[in-house]
Amino acid sequence: MATSDMSHGRHPDEQVSIEVQRIGNTRLAAFLGILVLLIGAVSHHFIVVWVGFFVLALMVFAEQMASLTFRHLSLRHQFHAITAEIDQPIEAELIVENPLPWPVGEIHWELDVPESLRFVSPVESSDSASGYRRIVRGSLSVLRQERLRVPYQLVGMRRGRFQVGPGVLVFQDPLDWSQWVRRTHMNDRLTIWPRRYSLPQGFWNSHPELGNRHGRPWDPPDPLLVAGIRPYRMGDPIRRIHAYASAQSGQLMVKEEEHFNARNVEVLLHPQTGLHPWSGVDRGVLEDAVSITATVIEHSLADGLEVGLSISAILAGHPHGLSEPPSHGQATRARLLTALAWVEPSGNMTDNLARHLHLLKRRIARGGVLVVVAPIWPNEVAPEWDSLRERGVQIVWITLGSLTDMPLAGAHIRWRWQEGGWSRE
């Protein structure tokens, strides 16, 4: 339900676009008042003249009060977060504020919500569909110097970036002669990130430079992780003592671990779901491909890796796909997941893929790790692919569903995501 918050101050004005419209019978009331005034003056009936003056004064008073009230009333919506995963609710509030020392009475509000967002509120409201948007309506009774908050939730049903609003405020003057309508464009946008799943156990284990570097103390030293074994010296950390080597030599031995200059992974998304453009797009496979890519990115960043992302599909501001160099941190996570929220397939994805493979060939280090998420791999980019393979790039290929039977040449590990589960090929 709406909650009241008394406040004498107003929030700073945000950069908004406001459209004001007045609807009503004000002109008719003015005409009637003037007509009564003229009739009284011609007939010399001063009572009729005073009635005409009273009607005009009442009309002007109601108009001025309505205009003053409407100028100071404010309607805005506030989100507690601007990003969420699919089916994850976003808490929000619709805020109506009256800083004036007199009550306003009943007002009506409207909010345009995209069809891809579900509106949930404990406050009684109604809605109607209009194209790809839904108009949610409600009413409130506003007292003097009162701020009302209408809590609600928005739940994203698919990934993307959606604009909520404009918000509409409808107010009538005290005599119901005119109706004032203000449409406020707040430019409030919500980004719905793709779903994330769990990676299969041992996803990184075949790549020691990216996997878990903590083994059992009695395990033989792994030459890929240990630069050498030497006798214990005073001050060496106890955790670096290697039990297996110490037992073999009869004295305490410690490990000298290999230090890598960079720990990063490149992720390549090629969401082509058909061999030919006229075969259409399998939306289910497309969404799974985007979600798997988001899963690899999030798990890699959580493991402390630097992650680069290349996308062959189009997205907002990138008509030829996207190529982001490796980086880490929460800002990287938000940027890459937002990019994946905008991904849409296009007919030139094969050309874009060749371009991004050429960039990767120059960017990825020898022996680096490349994770490819692709339901279908076009043969047209085989030369660029061969050059990556010759550089010793470790390749993990993730395919989806049963669309692909052709092997990806040079892939060291192949995983398949089908019907919500992983299988190793």
Protein backbone atom coordinates (compact mmCIF):
# COMPACT_ATOMS: atom_id res chain seq x y z
CA MET A 1 0.00 0.00 0.00
CA ALA A 2 1.06 3.65 -0.34
CA THR A 3 3.09 4.99 2.55
CA SER A 4 3.13 8.60 3.68
CA ASP A 5 6.34 10.54 4.21
CA MET A 6 5.95 14.10 5.49
CA SER A 7 8.50 16.46 4.02
CA HIS A 8 8.72 20.21 3.45
CA GLY A 9 11.61 19.98 1.01
CA ARG A 10 11.75 18.91 -2.59
CA HIS A 11 14.23 16.74 -4.36
CA PRO A 12 16.53 18.43 -6.85
CA ASP A 13 15.06 18.45 -10.31
CA GLU A 14 16.45 15.83 -12.60
CA GLN A 15 16.94 16.28 -16.32
CA VAL A 16 13.48 15.42 -17.54
CA SER A 17 11.23 16.18 -20.46
CA ILE A 18 7.76 17.38 -19.43
CA GLU A 19 4.62 17.70 -21.55
CA VAL A 20 1.65 19.55 -20.01
CA GLN A 21 -1.87 19.39 -21.41
CA ARG A 22 -5.05 21.01 -20.10
CA ILE A 23 -8.44 19.50 -20.91
CA GLY A 24 -11.79 20.85 -19.77
CA ASN A 25 -14.63 23.36 -20.08
CA THR A 26 -12.84 26.48 -18.82
CA ARG A 27 -13.68 28.46 -21.93
CA LEU A 28 -17.34 27.47 -21.69
CA ALA A 29 -17.45 28.58 -18.03
CA ALA A 30 -15.84 31.91 -18.94
CA PHE A 31 -18.32 32.41 -21.80
CA LEU A 32 -21.27 31.69 -19.50
CA GLY A 33 -19.92 34.07 -16.85
CA ILE A 34 -19.47 36.88 -19.36
CA LEU A 35 -22.91 36.19 -20.87
CA VAL A 36 -24.58 36.41 -17.44
CA LEU A 37 -22.65 39.62 -16.73
CA LEU A 38 -23.80 41.21 -19.99
CA ILE A 39 -27.40 40.13 -19.46
CA GLY A 40 -27.38 41.67 -16.00
CA ALA A 41 -25.83 44.91 -17.28
CA VAL A 42 -28.35 45.24 -20.15
CA SER A 43 -31.34 44.43 -17.95
CA HIS A 44 -30.00 46.55 -15.06
CA HIS A 45 -30.34 43.63 -12.67
CA PHE A 46 -27.37 44.10 -10.36
CA ILE A 47 -27.94 40.72 -8.74
CA VAL A 48 -27.41 39.06 -12.12
CA VAL A 49 -24.30 41.22 -12.62
CA TRP A 50 -22.92 40.08 -9.26
CA VAL A 51 -23.70 36.46 -10.19
CA GLY A 52 -21.70 36.93 -13.40
CA PHE A 53 -18.81 38.49 -11.46
CA PHE A 54 -18.97 35.65 -8.94
CA VAL A 55 -18.84 32.99 -11.65
CA LEU A 56 -15.86 34.67 -13.33
CA ALA A 57 -14.01 35.17 -10.03
CA LEU A 58 -14.70 31.57 -9.01
CA MET A 59 -13.44 30.34 -12.36
CA VAL A 60 -10.25 32.42 -12.15
CA PHE A 61 -9.64 31.30 -8.55
CA ALA A 62 -10.11 27.61 -9.39
CA GLU A 63 -7.87 27.97 -12.45
CA GLN A 64 -5.09 29.69 -10.48
CA MET A 65 -5.27 27.19 -7.62
CA ALA A 66 -5.18 24.25 -10.04
CA SER A 67 -2.26 25.76 -11.95
CA LEU A 68 -0.28 26.48 -8.78
CA THR A 69 -0.96 23.02 -7.37
CA PHE A 70 -0.12 21.29 -10.60
CA ARG A 71 3.18 23.17 -10.96
CA HIS A 72 4.34 21.97 -7.54
CA LEU A 73 3.07 18.40 -7.65
CA SER A 74 5.76 15.94 -8.69
CA LEU A 75 5.65 12.35 -9.87
CA ARG A 76 8.75 10.20 -10.28
CA HIS A 77 9.83 6.60 -9.90
CA GLN A 78 12.92 5.35 -8.15
CA PHE A 79 14.68 2.02 -8.66
CA HIS A 80 16.73 0.31 -5.95
CA ALA A 81 18.81 -1.29 -8.74
CA ILE A 82 19.12 -0.75 -12.47
CA THR A 83 20.28 -4.25 -13.38
CA ALA A 84 18.85 -7.68 -12.63
CA GLU A 85 18.83 -11.20 -13.95
CA ILE A 86 15.83 -12.69 -15.72
CA ASP A 87 13.01 -13.47 -13.23
CA GLN A 88 14.81 -11.50 -10.50
CA PRO A 89 12.54 -8.78 -9.04
CA ILE A 90 13.68 -5.15 -8.91
CA GLU A 91 12.28 -3.12 -6.03
CA ALA A 92 10.96 0.28 -7.08
CA GLU A 93 8.78 3.12 -5.85
CA LEU A 94 6.40 5.57 -7.44
CA ILE A 95 6.75 8.84 -5.49
CA VAL A 96 4.08 11.57 -5.48
CA GLU A 97 4.96 14.73 -3.56
CA ASN A 98 2.84 17.75 -2.58
CA PRO A 99 4.87 20.50 -0.83
CA LEU A 100 1.93 22.94 -0.65
CA PRO A 101 0.13 23.78 2.64
CA TRP A 102 -3.27 22.66 1.33
CA PRO A 103 -4.57 19.21 0.38
CA VAL A 104 -4.79 18.24 -3.26
CA GLY A 105 -7.39 15.52 -2.98
CA GLU A 106 -7.54 12.63 -5.39
CA ILE A 107 -5.09 12.41 -8.26
CA HIS A 108 -4.58 9.74 -10.89
CA TRP A 109 -1.23 8.38 -12.04
CA GLU A 110 -0.17 6.28 -14.99
CA LEU A 111 3.07 4.46 -15.75
CA ASP A 112 4.15 2.97 -19.05
CA VAL A 113 5.82 -0.42 -18.53
CA PRO A 114 7.27 -2.53 -21.38
CA GLU A 115 5.56 -5.84 -22.00
CA SER A 116 8.83 -7.63 -21.21
CA LEU A 117 8.63 -6.39 -17.59
CA ARG A 118 6.03 -7.71 -15.18
CA PHE A 119 4.52 -5.09 -12.82
CA VAL A 120 3.72 -6.33 -9.31
CA SER A 121 2.35 -3.99 -6.64
CA PRO A 122 0.30 -4.35 -3.43
CA VAL A 123 -1.50 -1.11 -4.36
CA GLU A 124 -4.72 -1.57 -6.29
CA SER A 125 -4.16 -0.69 -9.92
CA SER A 126 -5.34 -1.58 -13.41
CA ASP A 127 -3.51 -1.93 -16.67
CA SER A 128 -4.19 -2.02 -20.39
CA ALA A 129 -1.98 -3.07 -23.29
CA SER A 130 -0.88 -0.65 -25.99
CA GLY A 131 1.42 -2.17 -28.59
CA TYR A 132 4.57 -3.44 -26.91
CA ARG A 133 3.85 -1.48 -23.73
CA ARG A 134 1.43 -1.78 -20.84
CA ILE A 135 -0.11 1.25 -19.11
CA VAL A 136 -0.55 0.78 -15.35
CA ARG A 137 -3.02 3.12 -13.66
CA GLY A 138 -3.91 3.98 -10.09
CA SER A 139 -5.24 6.79 -7.87
CA LEU A 140 -4.10 8.41 -4.63
CA SER A 141 -5.52 10.89 -2.13
CA VAL A 142 -2.82 13.47 -1.34
CA LEU A 143 -2.95 15.66 1.77
CA ARG A 144 -1.01 18.86 2.45
CA GLN A 145 2.79 18.71 2.55
CA GLU A 146 2.72 14.98 1.96
CA ARG A 147 4.91 12.61 0.03
CA LEU A 148 3.35 9.29 -0.90
CA ARG A 149 5.32 6.24 -1.95
CA VAL A 150 3.76 3.46 -3.97
CA PRO A 151 6.03 0.39 -3.74
CA TYR A 152 6.10 -2.02 -6.65
CA GLN A 153 8.30 -4.62 -8.30
CA LEU A 154 9.42 -5.05 -11.89
CA VAL A 155 10.38 -8.55 -13.01
CA GLY A 156 12.25 -8.99 -16.29
CA MET A 157 10.94 -11.86 -18.40
CA ARG A 158 13.67 -11.64 -21.05
CA ARG A 159 17.09 -10.04 -21.37
CA GLY A 160 17.54 -6.57 -22.82
CA ARG A 161 17.45 -2.91 -21.91
CA PHE A 162 14.03 -1.40 -21.31
CA GLN A 163 12.77 2.12 -20.68
CA VAL A 164 10.19 2.53 -17.92
CA GLY A 165 7.90 5.49 -18.31
CA PRO A 166 6.87 8.08 -19.08
CA GLY A 167 4.93 8.74 -15.90
CA VAL A 168 1.61 10.56 -16.23
CA LEU A 169 -0.04 12.67 -13.52
CA VAL A 170 -3.73 13.61 -13.91
CA PHE A 171 -5.23 16.31 -11.67
CA GLN A 172 -8.58 18.11 -11.71
CA ASP A 173 -9.29 21.58 -10.34
CA PRO A 174 -11.55 21.84 -7.24
CA LEU A 175 -14.64 22.59 -9.38
CA ASP A 176 -13.92 19.82 -11.92
CA TRP A 177 -13.98 22.39 -14.70
CA SER A 178 -10.63 21.42 -16.16
CA GLN A 179 -8.25 18.51 -16.09
CA TRP A 180 -4.49 18.87 -16.12
CA VAL A 181 -2.31 16.11 -17.57
CA ARG A 182 1.48 16.08 -17.22
CA ARG A 183 3.62 13.48 -18.95
CA THR A 184 7.14 13.23 -17.52
CA HIS A 185 9.87 11.44 -19.49
CA MET A 186 12.42 10.36 -16.88
CA ASN A 187 14.54 8.23 -19.24
CA ASP A 188 14.76 5.52 -16.59
CA ARG A 189 16.18 2.35 -18.10
CA LEU A 190 16.55 -1.11 -16.65
CA THR A 191 19.01 -3.70 -17.96
CA ILE A 192 17.99 -7.34 -17.64
CA TRP A 193 21.06 -9.56 -17.77
CA PRO A 194 20.94 -13.10 -19.18
CA ARG A 195 20.58 -16.09 -16.91
CA ARG A 196 23.70 -17.70 -15.49
CA TYR A 197 24.16 -21.41 -14.91
CA SER A 198 26.80 -23.45 -13.12
CA LEU A 199 29.87 -24.65 -14.98
CA PRO A 200 30.53 -28.41 -15.01
CA GLN A 201 32.95 -29.74 -12.43
CA GLY A 202 36.51 -29.69 -13.70
CA PHE A 203 35.82 -27.13 -16.43
CA TRP A 204 39.28 -25.53 -16.01
CA ASN A 205 41.20 -28.56 -14.75
CA SER A 206 42.82 -29.32 -18.09
CA HIS A 207 44.39 -25.86 -18.05
CA PRO A 208 46.71 -25.74 -15.02
CA GLU A 209 47.44 -22.05 -15.46
CA LEU A 210 43.73 -21.34 -14.95
CA GLY A 211 42.72 -24.17 -12.63
CA ASN A 212 43.08 -24.82 -8.91
CA ARG A 213 46.73 -24.58 -7.87
CA HIS A 214 46.26 -26.12 -4.41
CA GLY A 215 46.96 -29.87 -4.33
CA ARG A 216 47.58 -32.39 -1.55
CA PRO A 217 50.96 -32.04 0.21
CA TRP A 218 52.02 -35.58 -0.67
CA ASP A 219 51.30 -35.24 -4.41
CA PRO A 220 54.30 -35.36 -6.76
CA PRO A 221 55.28 -31.88 -7.96
CA ASP A 222 53.55 -30.77 -11.14
CA PRO A 223 56.16 -29.38 -13.54
CA LEU A 224 53.60 -27.00 -15.00
CA LEU A 225 53.06 -25.33 -11.63
CA VAL A 226 56.46 -25.75 -9.94
CA ALA A 227 59.58 -24.05 -11.26
CA GLY A 228 61.82 -26.24 -9.13
CA ILE A 229 62.49 -28.03 -5.83
CA ARG A 230 65.24 -26.83 -3.46
CA PRO A 231 66.28 -27.43 0.17
CA TYR A 232 64.46 -25.60 2.92
CA ARG A 233 65.92 -22.26 4.04
CA MET A 234 65.21 -20.37 7.23
CA GLY A 235 62.20 -18.14 6.66
CA ASP A 236 60.53 -20.18 3.90
CA PRO A 237 56.76 -20.49 4.38
CA ILE A 238 55.72 -23.80 5.88
CA ARG A 239 52.96 -24.18 3.26
CA ARG A 240 55.62 -24.44 0.54
CA ILE A 241 57.23 -27.54 2.07
CA HIS A 242 56.62 -30.48 -0.25
CA ALA A 243 56.13 -33.72 1.69
CA TYR A 244 56.76 -36.02 -1.30
CA ALA A 245 60.08 -34.43 -2.26
CA SER A 246 61.17 -34.20 1.41
CA ALA A 247 60.50 -37.93 1.93
CA GLN A 248 62.47 -38.83 -1.21
CA SER A 249 65.54 -36.74 -0.33
CA GLY A 250 65.53 -37.22 3.45
CA GLN A 251 65.51 -33.46 4.16
CA LEU A 252 62.99 -30.65 4.05
CA MET A 253 62.37 -29.52 0.48
CA VAL A 254 60.27 -26.56 -0.65
CA LYS A 255 58.52 -25.75 -3.92
CA GLU A 256 59.38 -22.79 -6.09
CA GLU A 257 56.13 -22.05 -7.85
CA GLU A 258 55.90 -20.84 -11.40
CA HIS A 259 54.73 -17.22 -11.60
CA PHE A 260 52.63 -16.37 -14.61
CA ASN A 261 52.72 -12.87 -16.07
CA ALA A 262 48.96 -12.86 -16.73
CA ARG A 263 46.04 -15.12 -15.99
CA ASN A 264 43.37 -14.37 -18.54
CA VAL A 265 40.88 -16.06 -20.78
CA GLU A 266 39.25 -14.95 -24.02
CA VAL A 267 35.58 -15.78 -24.62
CA LEU A 268 34.17 -15.81 -28.16
CA LEU A 269 30.40 -15.88 -28.77
CA HIS A 270 29.14 -16.79 -32.24
CA PRO A 271 25.36 -17.27 -31.80
CA GLN A 272 24.58 -18.63 -35.26
CA THR A 273 21.81 -21.23 -34.97
CA GLY A 274 21.32 -22.15 -38.64
CA LEU A 275 23.53 -23.03 -41.58
CA HIS A 276 21.72 -20.53 -43.83
CA PRO A 277 20.25 -17.06 -43.09
CA TRP A 278 16.85 -18.10 -44.44
CA SER A 279 16.60 -20.93 -41.93
CA GLY A 280 15.66 -18.42 -39.25
CA VAL A 281 16.82 -18.13 -35.64
CA ASP A 282 16.30 -20.72 -32.93
CA ARG A 283 15.56 -18.36 -30.04
CA GLY A 284 15.97 -21.07 -27.42
CA VAL A 285 19.45 -22.01 -28.60
CA LEU A 286 20.36 -18.33 -28.96
CA GLU A 287 19.34 -17.54 -25.37
CA ASP A 288 21.23 -20.58 -24.09
CA ALA A 289 24.36 -19.47 -25.98
CA VAL A 290 24.18 -16.00 -24.43
CA SER A 291 23.53 -17.44 -20.96
CA ILE A 292 26.45 -19.89 -21.24
CA THR A 293 28.74 -17.04 -22.29
CA ALA A 294 27.59 -15.00 -19.29
CA THR A 295 28.22 -18.02 -17.07
CA VAL A 296 31.82 -18.46 -18.28
CA ILE A 297 32.48 -14.73 -17.82
CA GLU A 298 31.08 -14.57 -14.29
CA HIS A 299 32.85 -17.72 -13.07
CA SER A 300 36.15 -16.63 -14.63
CA LEU A 301 36.01 -13.20 -13.00
CA ALA A 302 35.08 -14.80 -9.67
CA ASP A 303 38.23 -16.95 -9.96
CA GLY A 304 40.38 -13.84 -10.34
CA LEU A 305 40.96 -14.18 -14.09
CA GLU A 306 41.05 -11.36 -16.57
CA VAL A 307 38.34 -11.89 -19.18
CA GLY A 308 38.11 -10.64 -22.76
CA LEU A 309 34.93 -10.92 -24.82
CA SER A 310 34.32 -11.06 -28.57
CA ILE A 311 30.80 -11.19 -30.06
CA SER A 312 30.02 -11.72 -33.73
CA ALA A 313 26.37 -10.67 -33.41
CA ILE A 314 25.20 -7.07 -33.41
CA LEU A 315 24.39 -5.05 -30.30
CA ALA A 316 23.61 -1.46 -29.47
CA GLY A 317 26.38 0.81 -30.75
CA HIS A 318 28.30 -2.08 -32.34
CA PRO A 319 26.84 -3.02 -35.75
CA HIS A 320 29.80 -5.34 -36.47
CA GLY A 321 29.96 -7.06 -33.11
CA LEU A 322 32.08 -6.35 -30.06
CA SER A 323 35.67 -7.05 -29.04
CA GLU A 324 36.70 -6.19 -25.46
CA PRO A 325 40.30 -6.82 -24.29
CA PRO A 326 40.85 -8.79 -21.07
CA SER A 327 40.21 -6.98 -17.79
CA HIS A 328 38.87 -7.82 -14.35
CA GLY A 329 36.72 -6.41 -11.57
CA GLN A 330 33.05 -5.63 -10.96
CA ALA A 331 33.03 -2.89 -13.61
CA THR A 332 34.14 -5.45 -16.19
CA ARG A 333 31.43 -7.86 -15.06
CA ALA A 334 28.71 -5.22 -15.40
CA ARG A 335 29.99 -4.03 -18.78
CA LEU A 336 30.23 -7.49 -20.33
CA LEU A 337 26.90 -8.75 -18.97
CA THR A 338 25.22 -5.58 -20.23
CA ALA A 339 26.72 -6.16 -23.67
CA LEU A 340 25.35 -9.71 -23.65
CA ALA A 341 21.91 -8.36 -22.69
CA TRP A 342 21.82 -6.47 -26.02
CA VAL A 343 22.99 -9.28 -28.32
CA GLU A 344 20.84 -9.90 -31.40
CA PRO A 345 21.67 -12.17 -34.37
CA SER A 346 22.30 -10.71 -37.82
CA GLY A 347 23.03 -11.89 -41.33
CA ASN A 348 26.67 -10.77 -41.37
CA MET A 349 27.85 -12.72 -38.31
CA THR A 350 30.27 -14.86 -40.36
CA ASP A 351 32.07 -11.76 -41.68
CA ASN A 352 32.15 -10.31 -38.17
CA LEU A 353 33.56 -13.58 -36.83
CA ALA A 354 36.47 -13.50 -39.28
CA ARG A 355 37.25 -9.94 -38.21
CA HIS A 356 37.24 -10.80 -34.51
CA LEU A 357 39.37 -13.90 -35.03
CA HIS A 358 41.95 -11.71 -36.75
CA LEU A 359 41.95 -9.39 -33.71
CA LEU A 360 42.24 -12.34 -31.34
CA LYS A 361 45.17 -13.71 -33.30
CA ARG A 362 47.08 -10.53 -32.52
CA ARG A 363 45.83 -10.15 -28.95
CA ILE A 364 45.83 -13.57 -27.37
CA ALA A 365 49.14 -14.79 -25.94
CA ARG A 366 50.84 -17.96 -27.09
CA GLY A 367 49.46 -20.81 -25.02
CA GLY A 368 46.48 -18.72 -23.94
CA VAL A 369 42.98 -20.05 -23.38
CA LEU A 370 40.08 -19.36 -25.74
CA VAL A 371 36.53 -20.42 -24.87
CA VAL A 372 34.28 -20.59 -27.94
CA VAL A 373 30.50 -20.65 -27.50
CA ALA A 374 29.06 -21.51 -30.89
CA PRO A 375 26.16 -23.78 -31.88
CA ILE A 376 27.47 -23.79 -35.48
CA TRP A 377 30.98 -23.08 -36.74
CA PRO A 378 31.21 -21.78 -40.36
CA ASN A 379 33.89 -23.23 -42.62
CA GLU A 380 34.59 -19.81 -44.15
CA VAL A 381 36.79 -18.80 -41.19
CA ALA A 382 39.00 -21.90 -41.25
CA PRO A 383 42.23 -20.00 -42.20
CA GLU A 384 41.97 -17.64 -39.21
CA TRP A 385 41.15 -20.57 -36.98
CA ASP A 386 44.21 -22.52 -38.15
CA SER A 387 46.50 -19.63 -37.32
CA LEU A 388 45.19 -19.58 -33.73
CA ARG A 389 45.71 -23.31 -33.44
CA GLU A 390 49.29 -23.02 -34.71
CA ARG A 391 50.10 -20.53 -31.96
CA GLY A 392 49.31 -23.15 -29.33
CA VAL A 393 46.10 -21.51 -28.11
CA GLN A 394 44.23 -23.83 -25.74
CA ILE A 395 40.67 -24.06 -27.08
CA VAL A 396 37.52 -24.98 -25.20
CA TRP A 397 34.49 -25.30 -27.47
CA ILE A 398 30.99 -25.20 -26.01
CA THR A 399 28.18 -26.18 -28.35
CA LEU A 400 24.47 -26.29 -27.62
CA GLY A 401 21.63 -28.65 -28.33
CA SER A 402 21.91 -31.12 -31.18
CA LEU A 403 22.52 -28.58 -33.93
CA THR A 404 26.20 -29.30 -34.47
CA ASP A 405 27.69 -32.58 -35.56
CA MET A 406 30.76 -31.10 -37.26
CA PRO A 407 33.89 -31.06 -35.07
CA LEU A 408 35.78 -27.83 -34.44
CA ALA A 409 39.30 -28.43 -35.71
CA GLY A 410 41.92 -27.88 -33.03
CA ALA A 411 39.55 -27.83 -30.04
CA HIS A 412 41.23 -29.44 -27.04
CA ILE A 413 38.01 -29.86 -25.03
CA ARG A 414 34.43 -29.98 -26.27
CA TRP A 415 31.45 -29.51 -24.00
CA ARG A 416 27.79 -29.70 -24.96
CA TRP A 417 24.91 -27.97 -23.19
CA GLN A 418 21.65 -29.73 -23.87
CA GLU A 419 18.35 -29.80 -21.99
CA GLY A 420 19.82 -28.01 -18.99
CA GLY A 421 22.81 -30.33 -18.50
CA TRP A 422 26.48 -30.67 -19.47
CA SER A 423 28.19 -33.50 -21.30
CA ARG A 424 31.86 -33.91 -22.21
CA GLU A 425 32.75 -34.90 -25.77
